Amino acid sequence: MRDKDKEYLQNFGANLKKIREDKGFTQAQLAIDSDLDISYISRIENGRISPSLIYLKYLADALGVDMKQLISF
């Protein structure tokens, strides 16, 4: 993976974490509401993995935000 890509994933993860915390969600609650594993959410927030498009939709729906907000950073 290119350094630029790693930086993008880290920025995305930081944005997801900020939105999650601003909405008052713990990782555990977001995992339950999005039907994703808590370790998966942790890895996204730490910039270690890139979620698929459908998982972005699950996260956005659980947080009550538009998918665009997740990728706007």
PDB file of N, CA and C in Angstrom:
ATOM      1  N   MET A   1       0.835  -1.177   0.000  1.00  0.00           N
ATOM      2  CA  MET A   1       0.000   0.000   0.000  1.00  0.00           C
ATOM      3  C   MET A   1       0.887   1.250   0.000  1.00  0.00           C
ATOM      4  N   ARG A   2       0.496   2.217  -0.760  1.00  0.00           N
ATOM      5  CA  ARG A   2       1.261   3.461  -0.852  1.00  0.00           C
ATOM      6  C   ARG A   2       1.076   4.294   0.415  1.00  0.00           C
ATOM      7  N   ASP A   3       2.083   5.101   0.728  1.00  0.00           N
ATOM      8  CA  ASP A   3       2.024   5.965   1.913  1.00  0.00           C
ATOM      9  C   ASP A   3       0.818   6.890   1.856  1.00  0.00           C
ATOM     10  N   LYS A   4       0.523   7.397   0.675  1.00  0.00           N
ATOM     11  CA  LYS A   4      -0.627   8.284   0.487  1.00  0.00           C
ATOM     12  C   LYS A   4      -1.931   7.570   0.858  1.00  0.00           C
ATOM     13  N   ASP A   5      -2.020   6.301   0.495  1.00  0.00           N
ATOM     14  CA  ASP A   5      -3.213   5.507   0.816  1.00  0.00           C
ATOM     15  C   ASP A   5      -3.320   5.266   2.316  1.00  0.00           C
ATOM     16  N   LYS A   6      -2.197   4.984   2.949  1.00  0.00           N
ATOM     17  CA  LYS A   6      -2.195   4.777   4.403  1.00  0.00           C
ATOM     18  C   LYS A   6      -2.661   6.041   5.123  1.00  0.00           C
ATOM     19  N   GLU A   7      -2.182   7.179   4.651  1.00  0.00           N
ATOM     20  CA  GLU A   7      -2.577   8.459   5.248  1.00  0.00           C
ATOM     21  C   GLU A   7      -4.081   8.693   5.077  1.00  0.00           C
ATOM     22  N   TYR A   8      -4.607   8.357   3.914  1.00  0.00           N
ATOM     23  CA  TYR A   8      -6.039   8.507   3.663  1.00  0.00           C
ATOM     24  C   TYR A   8      -6.849   7.632   4.623  1.00  0.00           C
ATOM     25  N   LEU A   9      -6.430   6.385   4.797  1.00  0.00           N
ATOM     26  CA  LEU A   9      -7.138   5.491   5.712  1.00  0.00           C
ATOM     27  C   LEU A   9      -7.071   5.994   7.153  1.00  0.00           C
ATOM     28  N   GLN A  10      -5.940   6.543   7.544  1.00  0.00           N
ATOM     29  CA  GLN A  10      -5.811   7.089   8.894  1.00  0.00           C
ATOM     30  C   GLN A  10      -6.727   8.299   9.072  1.00  0.00           C
ATOM     31  N   ASN A  11      -6.793   9.152   8.059  1.00  0.00           N
ATOM     32  CA  ASN A  11      -7.673  10.324   8.134  1.00  0.00           C
ATOM     33  C   ASN A  11      -9.142   9.913   8.156  1.00  0.00           C
ATOM     34  N   PHE A  12      -9.475   8.911   7.351  1.00  0.00           N
ATOM     35  CA  PHE A  12     -10.844   8.406   7.358  1.00  0.00           C
ATOM     36  C   PHE A  12     -11.200   7.853   8.738  1.00  0.00           C
ATOM     37  N   GLY A  13     -10.309   7.047   9.298  1.00  0.00           N
ATOM     38  CA  GLY A  13     -10.551   6.459  10.610  1.00  0.00           C
ATOM     39  C   GLY A  13     -10.705   7.509  11.694  1.00  0.00           C
ATOM     40  N   ALA A  14      -9.880   8.546  11.639  1.00  0.00           N
ATOM     41  CA  ALA A  14      -9.978   9.634  12.617  1.00  0.00           C
ATOM     42  C   ALA A  14     -11.301  10.364  12.471  1.00  0.00           C
ATOM     43  N   ASN A  15     -11.750  10.549  11.233  1.00  0.00           N
ATOM     44  CA  ASN A  15     -13.033  11.208  10.999  1.00  0.00           C
ATOM     45  C   ASN A  15     -14.190  10.360  11.527  1.00  0.00           C
ATOM     46  N   LEU A  16     -14.146   9.062  11.258  1.00  0.00           N
ATOM     47  CA  LEU A  16     -15.183   8.168  11.765  1.00  0.00           C
ATOM     48  C   LEU A  16     -15.225   8.228  13.291  1.00  0.00           C
ATOM     49  N   LYS A  17     -14.069   8.190  13.920  1.00  0.00           N
ATOM     50  CA  LYS A  17     -14.008   8.245  15.378  1.00  0.00           C
ATOM     51  C   LYS A  17     -14.590   9.553  15.909  1.00  0.00           C
ATOM     52  N   LYS A  18     -14.259  10.660  15.264  1.00  0.00           N
ATOM     53  CA  LYS A  18     -14.783  11.962  15.697  1.00  0.00           C
ATOM     54  C   LYS A  18     -16.303  11.996  15.592  1.00  0.00           C
ATOM     55  N   ILE A  19     -16.823  11.544  14.455  1.00  0.00           N
ATOM     56  CA  ILE A  19     -18.279  11.520  14.273  1.00  0.00           C
ATOM     57  C   ILE A  19     -18.918  10.621  15.323  1.00  0.00           C
ATOM     58  N   ARG A  20     -18.337   9.455  15.520  1.00  0.00           N
ATOM     59  CA  ARG A  20     -18.878   8.505  16.509  1.00  0.00           C
ATOM     60  C   ARG A  20     -18.916   9.141  17.894  1.00  0.00           C
ATOM     61  N   GLU A  21     -17.813   9.756  18.293  1.00  0.00           N
ATOM     62  CA  GLU A  21     -17.751  10.371  19.622  1.00  0.00           C
ATOM     63  C   GLU A  21     -18.685  11.580  19.724  1.00  0.00           C
ATOM     64  N   ASP A  22     -18.771  12.383  18.659  1.00  0.00           N
ATOM     65  CA  ASP A  22     -19.678  13.533  18.658  1.00  0.00           C
ATOM     66  C   ASP A  22     -21.137  13.095  18.819  1.00  0.00           C
ATOM     67  N   LYS A  23     -21.450  11.926  18.288  1.00  0.00           N
ATOM     68  CA  LYS A  23     -22.810  11.385  18.394  1.00  0.00           C
ATOM     69  C   LYS A  23     -23.035  10.641  19.714  1.00  0.00           C
ATOM     70  N   GLY A  24     -21.976  10.502  20.508  1.00  0.00           N
ATOM     71  CA  GLY A  24     -22.104   9.854  21.806  1.00  0.00           C
ATOM     72  C   GLY A  24     -22.081   8.336  21.767  1.00  0.00           C
ATOM     73  N   PHE A  25     -21.542   7.779  20.706  1.00  0.00           N
ATOM     74  CA  PHE A  25     -21.470   6.329  20.567  1.00  0.00           C
ATOM     75  C   PHE A  25     -20.139   5.803  21.093  1.00  0.00           C
ATOM     76  N   THR A  26     -20.181   4.673  21.734  1.00  0.00           N
ATOM     77  CA  THR A  26     -18.961   3.911  21.999  1.00  0.00           C
ATOM     78  C   THR A  26     -18.744   3.012  20.785  1.00  0.00           C
ATOM     79  N   GLN A  27     -17.549   2.455  20.680  1.00  0.00           N
ATOM     80  CA  GLN A  27     -17.319   1.486  19.598  1.00  0.00           C
ATOM     81  C   GLN A  27     -18.267   0.303  19.742  1.00  0.00           C
ATOM     82  N   ALA A  28     -18.512  -0.111  20.956  1.00  0.00           N
ATOM     83  CA  ALA A  28     -19.400  -1.257  21.190  1.00  0.00           C
ATOM     84  C   ALA A  28     -20.815  -0.956  20.705  1.00  0.00           C
ATOM     85  N   GLN A  29     -21.317   0.240  20.998  1.00  0.00           N
ATOM     86  CA  GLN A  29     -22.670   0.591  20.570  1.00  0.00           C
ATOM     87  C   GLN A  29     -22.751   0.710  19.054  1.00  0.00           C
ATOM     88  N   LEU A  30     -21.727   1.299  18.449  1.00  0.00           N
ATOM     89  CA  LEU A  30     -21.714   1.402  16.988  1.00  0.00           C
ATOM     90  C   LEU A  30     -21.659   0.014  16.359  1.00  0.00           C
ATOM     91  N   ALA A  31     -20.907  -0.879  16.963  1.00  0.00           N
ATOM     92  CA  ALA A  31     -20.826  -2.255  16.460  1.00  0.00           C
ATOM     93  C   ALA A  31     -22.206  -2.913  16.488  1.00  0.00           C
ATOM     94  N   ILE A  32     -22.906  -2.737  17.578  1.00  0.00           N
ATOM     95  CA  ILE A  32     -24.248  -3.326  17.691  1.00  0.00           C
ATOM     96  C   ILE A  32     -25.195  -2.712  16.665  1.00  0.00           C
ATOM     97  N   ASP A  33     -25.213  -1.388  16.590  1.00  0.00           N
ATOM     98  CA  ASP A  33     -26.158  -0.696  15.710  1.00  0.00           C
ATOM     99  C   ASP A  33     -25.852  -0.881  14.227  1.00  0.00           C
ATOM    100  N   SER A  34     -24.589  -1.112  13.887  1.00  0.00           N
ATOM    101  CA  SER A  34     -24.223  -1.294  12.482  1.00  0.00           C
ATOM    102  C   SER A  34     -24.115  -2.765  12.097  1.00  0.00           C
ATOM    103  N   ASP A  35     -24.258  -3.647  13.080  1.00  0.00           N
ATOM    104  CA  ASP A  35     -24.135  -5.088  12.870  1.00  0.00           C
ATOM    105  C   ASP A  35     -22.756  -5.472  12.337  1.00  0.00           C
ATOM    106  N   LEU A  36     -21.741  -4.746  12.844  1.00  0.00           N
ATOM    107  CA  LEU A  36     -20.359  -5.046  12.514  1.00  0.00           C
ATOM    108  C   LEU A  36     -19.626  -5.420  13.793  1.00  0.00           C
ATOM    109  N   ASP A  37     -18.534  -6.122  13.662  1.00  0.00           N
ATOM    110  CA  ASP A  37     -17.752  -6.527  14.818  1.00  0.00           C
ATOM    111  C   ASP A  37     -16.978  -5.338  15.381  1.00  0.00           C
ATOM    112  N   ILE A  38     -16.897  -5.241  16.694  1.00  0.00           N
ATOM    113  CA  ILE A  38     -16.192  -4.137  17.335  1.00  0.00           C
ATOM    114  C   ILE A  38     -14.731  -4.082  16.893  1.00  0.00           C
ATOM    115  N   SER A  39     -14.101  -5.226  16.683  1.00  0.00           N
ATOM    116  CA  SER A  39     -12.701  -5.225  16.249  1.00  0.00           C
ATOM    117  C   SER A  39     -12.572  -4.653  14.836  1.00  0.00           C
ATOM    118  N   TYR A  40     -13.585  -4.840  14.014  1.00  0.00           N
ATOM    119  CA  TYR A  40     -13.589  -4.280  12.666  1.00  0.00           C
ATOM    120  C   TYR A  40     -13.645  -2.758  12.731  1.00  0.00           C
ATOM    121  N   ILE A  41     -14.506  -2.241  13.587  1.00  0.00           N
ATOM    122  CA  ILE A  41     -14.612  -0.791  13.758  1.00  0.00           C
ATOM    123  C   ILE A  41     -13.304  -0.224  14.299  1.00  0.00           C
ATOM    124  N   SER A  42     -12.703  -0.903  15.256  1.00  0.00           N
ATOM    125  CA  SER A  42     -11.427  -0.468  15.804  1.00  0.00           C
ATOM    126  C   SER A  42     -10.355  -0.403  14.723  1.00  0.00           C
ATOM    127  N   ARG A  43     -10.305  -1.411  13.876  1.00  0.00           N
ATOM    128  CA  ARG A  43      -9.295  -1.432  12.809  1.00  0.00           C
ATOM    129  C   ARG A  43      -9.533  -0.321  11.786  1.00  0.00           C
ATOM    130  N   ILE A  44     -10.795   0.000  11.518  1.00  0.00           N
ATOM    131  CA  ILE A  44     -11.099   1.123  10.620  1.00  0.00           C
ATOM    132  C   ILE A  44     -10.615   2.422  11.255  1.00  0.00           C
ATOM    133  N   GLU A  45     -10.984   2.642  12.513  1.00  0.00           N
ATOM    134  CA  GLU A  45     -10.619   3.878  13.195  1.00  0.00           C
ATOM    135  C   GLU A  45      -9.109   4.040  13.344  1.00  0.00           C
ATOM    136  N   ASN A  46      -8.395   2.938  13.398  1.00  0.00           N
ATOM    137  CA  ASN A  46      -6.939   2.994  13.506  1.00  0.00           C
ATOM    138  C   ASN A  46      -6.250   3.044  12.144  1.00  0.00           C
ATOM    139  N   GLY A  47      -7.033   3.103  11.072  1.00  0.00           N
ATOM    140  CA  GLY A  47      -6.471   3.227   9.735  1.00  0.00           C
ATOM    141  C   GLY A  47      -5.794   1.982   9.217  1.00  0.00           C
ATOM    142  N   ARG A  48      -6.173   0.831   9.768  1.00  0.00           N
ATOM    143  CA  ARG A  48      -5.525  -0.416   9.348  1.00  0.00           C
ATOM    144  C   ARG A  48      -6.250  -1.130   8.216  1.00  0.00           C
ATOM    145  N   ILE A  49      -7.542  -0.844   8.045  1.00  0.00           N
ATOM    146  CA  ILE A  49      -8.291  -1.495   6.970  1.00  0.00           C
ATOM    147  C   ILE A  49      -9.204  -0.477   6.290  1.00  0.00           C
ATOM    148  N   SER A  50      -9.609  -0.827   5.092  1.00  0.00           N
ATOM    149  CA  SER A  50     -10.516  -0.007   4.300  1.00  0.00           C
ATOM    150  C   SER A  50     -11.867  -0.716   4.229  1.00  0.00           C
ATOM    151  N   PRO A  51     -12.911  -0.086   4.754  1.00  0.00           N
ATOM    152  CA  PRO A  51     -14.220  -0.748   4.726  1.00  0.00           C
ATOM    153  C   PRO A  51     -14.812  -0.755   3.319  1.00  0.00           C
ATOM    154  N   SER A  52     -15.618  -1.756   3.057  1.00  0.00           N
ATOM    155  CA  SER A  52     -16.308  -1.825   1.774  1.00  0.00           C
ATOM    156  C   SER A  52     -17.414  -0.772   1.735  1.00  0.00           C
ATOM    157  N   LEU A  53     -17.915  -0.527   0.570  1.00  0.00           N
ATOM    158  CA  LEU A  53     -18.966   0.466   0.379  1.00  0.00           C
ATOM    159  C   LEU A  53     -20.211   0.124   1.201  1.00  0.00           C
ATOM    160  N   ILE A  54     -20.595  -1.129   1.233  1.00  0.00           N
ATOM    161  CA  ILE A  54     -21.800  -1.510   1.983  1.00  0.00           C
ATOM    162  C   ILE A  54     -21.588  -1.312   3.477  1.00  0.00           C
ATOM    163  N   TYR A  55     -20.365  -1.547   3.974  1.00  0.00           N
ATOM    164  CA  TYR A  55     -20.093  -1.323   5.388  1.00  0.00           C
ATOM    165  C   TYR A  55     -20.085   0.163   5.717  1.00  0.00           C
ATOM    166  N   LEU A  56     -19.679   0.992   4.761  1.00  0.00           N
ATOM    167  CA  LEU A  56     -19.795   2.442   4.961  1.00  0.00           C
ATOM    168  C   LEU A  56     -21.262   2.832   5.135  1.00  0.00           C
ATOM    169  N   LYS A  57     -22.122   2.208   4.345  1.00  0.00           N
ATOM    170  CA  LYS A  57     -23.559   2.474   4.471  1.00  0.00           C
ATOM    171  C   LYS A  57     -24.068   2.037   5.840  1.00  0.00           C
ATOM    172  N   TYR A  58     -23.656   0.878   6.312  1.00  0.00           N
ATOM    173  CA  TYR A  58     -24.076   0.412   7.638  1.00  0.00           C
ATOM    174  C   TYR A  58     -23.641   1.396   8.720  1.00  0.00           C
ATOM    175  N   LEU A  59     -22.401   1.873   8.624  1.00  0.00           N
ATOM    176  CA  LEU A  59     -21.887   2.816   9.620  1.00  0.00           C
ATOM    177  C   LEU A  59     -22.647   4.136   9.558  1.00  0.00           C
ATOM    178  N   ALA A  60     -22.850   4.648   8.356  1.00  0.00           N
ATOM    179  CA  ALA A  60     -23.571   5.914   8.194  1.00  0.00           C
ATOM    180  C   ALA A  60     -24.995   5.795   8.727  1.00  0.00           C
ATOM    181  N   ASP A  61     -25.668   4.713   8.406  1.00  0.00           N
ATOM    182  CA  ASP A  61     -27.043   4.506   8.888  1.00  0.00           C
ATOM    183  C   ASP A  61     -27.078   4.440  10.409  1.00  0.00           C
ATOM    184  N   ALA A  62     -26.150   3.716  11.003  1.00  0.00           N
ATOM    185  CA  ALA A  62     -26.116   3.571  12.461  1.00  0.00           C
ATOM    186  C   ALA A  62     -25.849   4.912  13.142  1.00  0.00           C
ATOM    187  N   LEU A  63     -25.010   5.742  12.518  1.00  0.00           N
ATOM    188  CA  LEU A  63     -24.673   7.044  13.096  1.00  0.00           C
ATOM    189  C   LEU A  63     -25.683   8.133  12.743  1.00  0.00           C
ATOM    190  N   GLY A  64     -26.569   7.832  11.809  1.00  0.00           N
ATOM    191  CA  GLY A  64     -27.568   8.815  11.399  1.00  0.00           C
ATOM    192  C   GLY A  64     -26.972   9.955  10.577  1.00  0.00           C
ATOM    193  N   VAL A  65     -25.969   9.625   9.760  1.00  0.00           N
ATOM    194  CA  VAL A  65     -25.335  10.626   8.915  1.00  0.00           C
ATOM    195  C   VAL A  65     -25.352  10.154   7.465  1.00  0.00           C
ATOM    196  N   ASP A  66     -25.126  11.084   6.574  1.00  0.00           N
ATOM    197  CA  ASP A  66     -24.989  10.763   5.159  1.00  0.00           C
ATOM    198  C   ASP A  66     -23.613  10.153   4.939  1.00  0.00           C
ATOM    199  N   MET A  67     -23.513   9.225   4.011  1.00  0.00           N
ATOM    200  CA  MET A  67     -22.217   8.592   3.733  1.00  0.00           C
ATOM    201  C   MET A  67     -21.169   9.627   3.355  1.00  0.00           C
ATOM    202  N   LYS A  68     -21.580  10.711   2.714  1.00  0.00           N
ATOM    203  CA  LYS A  68     -20.643  11.764   2.331  1.00  0.00           C
ATOM    204  C   LYS A  68     -19.918  12.338   3.525  1.00  0.00           C
ATOM    205  N   GLN A  69     -20.611  12.408   4.664  1.00  0.00           N
ATOM    206  CA  GLN A  69     -19.989  12.956   5.868  1.00  0.00           C
ATOM    207  C   GLN A  69     -18.837  12.073   6.356  1.00  0.00           C
ATOM    208  N   LEU A  70     -18.952  10.781   6.130  1.00  0.00           N
ATOM    209  CA  LEU A  70     -17.892   9.871   6.553  1.00  0.00           C
ATOM    210  C   LEU A  70     -16.609  10.058   5.747  1.00  0.00           C
ATOM    211  N   ILE A  71     -16.752  10.461   4.501  1.00  0.00           N
ATOM    212  CA  ILE A  71     -15.563  10.596   3.651  1.00  0.00           C
ATOM    213  C   ILE A  71     -15.159  12.049   3.429  1.00  0.00           C
ATOM    214  N   SER A  72     -15.801  12.962   4.121  1.00  0.00           N
ATOM    215  CA  SER A  72     -15.456  14.395   4.011  1.00  0.00           C
ATOM    216  C   SER A  72     -14.558  14.788   5.174  1.00  0.00           C
ATOM    217  N   PHE A  73     -13.279  14.812   4.909  1.00  0.00           N
ATOM    218  CA  PHE A  73     -12.320  15.197   5.939  1.00  0.00           C
ATOM    219  C   PHE A  73     -11.161  15.918   5.314  1.00  0.00           C
TER     220      PHE A  73
END
